[in-house]
Structures are given as C-alpha cells and as structure tokens.
Protein backbone atom coordinates (compact mmCIF):
# COMPACT_ATOMS: atom_id res chain seq x y z
CA MET A 1 -0.07 0.00 0.03
CA ILE A 2 1.32 3.43 -0.81
CA THR A 3 0.09 6.43 1.48
CA VAL A 4 0.07 9.83 -0.10
CA PHE A 5 -0.12 12.93 1.89
CA THR A 6 -0.53 16.04 -0.30
CA ASP A 7 -1.98 19.57 -0.08
CA SER A 8 -2.72 19.76 -3.81
CA THR A 9 -6.21 18.86 -4.88
CA LYS A 10 -4.85 17.64 -8.49
CA THR A 11 -2.55 14.93 -6.59
CA PHE A 12 -5.21 13.97 -4.29
CA MET A 13 -7.48 13.28 -7.24
CA TYR A 14 -5.01 11.47 -9.24
CA SER A 15 -4.30 9.19 -6.36
CA LYS A 16 -7.94 7.94 -6.39
CA PHE A 17 -7.31 6.31 -9.90
CA TRP A 18 -4.75 3.52 -8.26
CA LYS A 19 -6.38 0.90 -5.94
CA ASN A 20 -3.31 0.24 -3.76
CA VAL A 21 -2.87 4.26 -2.99
CA GLN A 22 -4.57 5.72 0.15
CA ALA A 23 -4.39 9.58 -0.27
CA TYR A 24 -5.01 12.16 2.55
CA LYS A 25 -5.44 15.83 1.69
CA ILE A 26 -3.73 17.85 4.27
CA ASN A 27 -3.34 21.56 5.33
CA LYS A 28 -0.98 23.54 3.17
CA PHE A 29 2.62 22.54 3.91
CA ASP A 30 4.28 24.84 6.22
CA LYS A 31 7.77 25.30 4.95
CA ALA A 32 9.02 26.64 8.22
CA LYS A 33 8.50 23.98 10.35
CA LYS A 34 9.49 21.27 7.58
CA ILE A 35 10.47 17.93 8.93
CA ASN A 36 8.55 18.51 12.25
CA TYR A 37 5.47 19.26 10.45
CA ILE A 38 6.01 15.97 8.42
CA ILE A 39 6.81 13.97 11.63
CA ASN A 40 3.51 15.44 13.25
CA THR A 41 1.39 14.52 10.16
CA LEU A 42 2.73 10.89 10.44
CA SER A 43 1.86 10.60 14.05
CA LYS A 44 -1.40 11.72 13.57
CA TYR A 45 -2.09 8.91 10.81
CA LYS A 46 0.19 6.27 12.20
CA LYS A 47 -2.68 3.48 12.79
CA SER A 48 -3.42 3.70 8.74
CA ILE A 49 0.20 3.80 7.94
CA PHE A 50 1.74 1.19 9.90
CA PHE A 51 -0.11 -1.87 9.21
CA GLY A 52 1.87 -5.00 9.41
CA ASP A 53 5.31 -3.40 9.25
CA LYS A 54 7.18 -1.46 11.86
CA ASN A 55 9.16 0.61 9.04
CA ILE A 56 8.24 2.87 6.38
CA ALA A 57 10.08 4.78 3.67
CA LEU A 58 9.06 8.32 3.77
CA ILE A 59 9.84 9.99 0.38
CA TYR A 60 9.20 13.75 0.05
CA ILE A 61 10.26 17.03 -1.36
CA LEU A 62 12.90 18.65 0.90
CA ASN A 63 12.80 22.38 -0.86
CA PRO A 64 9.60 22.41 -2.52
CA LYS A 65 9.35 24.57 -5.82
CA LYS A 66 6.91 24.73 -8.72
CA GLY A 67 7.61 21.64 -10.77
CA SER A 68 9.75 19.86 -8.08
CA ARG A 69 10.05 16.23 -7.71
CA ALA A 70 10.88 14.05 -4.54
CA ASN A 71 14.48 14.29 -3.41
CA SER A 72 14.65 12.78 -0.12
CA LEU A 73 14.28 9.56 1.64
CA SER A 74 13.88 8.64 5.19
CA ILE A 75 13.24 5.25 6.94
CA ILE A 76 10.81 5.89 9.76
CA ASN A 77 10.47 3.26 12.51
CA LYS A 78 6.76 3.24 14.45
CA ASN A 79 8.89 3.35 17.51
CA ASP A 80 10.15 6.70 16.49
CA LEU A 81 6.83 8.48 16.58
CA THR A 82 5.92 7.13 20.05
CA LYS A 83 8.51 9.07 21.56
CA LEU A 84 7.40 12.29 20.35
C-alpha cells in the first residue's frame, strides 16, 4: 500500500485512480516547520500507515518549488513516532 499526503487537490484526485494508493488531503505544507510538520502528520495518521510493518519509507520534497520532484528518502520506525 502506498500512502500519499498532499496539499494539492490535483494530486489527491489522481491518487484515487490507483487501488493500492491511499491519499490524504492535508493543510498547506508549512515550509518553516519542515520535518517537524511531516513527523507530526505521520504521528496523526500512524494507525493507517503502519499496518503489518514497523518501518516505512518516507519520500518527500525537501525544498518544494514549482515542478519539484521527490528528492529525499527517510526510513521511519513506528517506535520513533511514539517517543514524540
């Protein structure tokens, strides 16, 4: 299963075309908070993200600009989110 968090309505709607993609529409990404915003969002949805596995791969755009593509990869353990 692929889980997508996006602030773009277009990306959210495109995600509905694939059966193995679960999409969530979130508030506008706060560039000032960066990784803290991402971790807090993952913590909020961790029950639907961590099903069966204790690790997930987080792929995201580090410095978003128009036309940007994902350029960062992090491995997140479920226990990392419980410590927050």
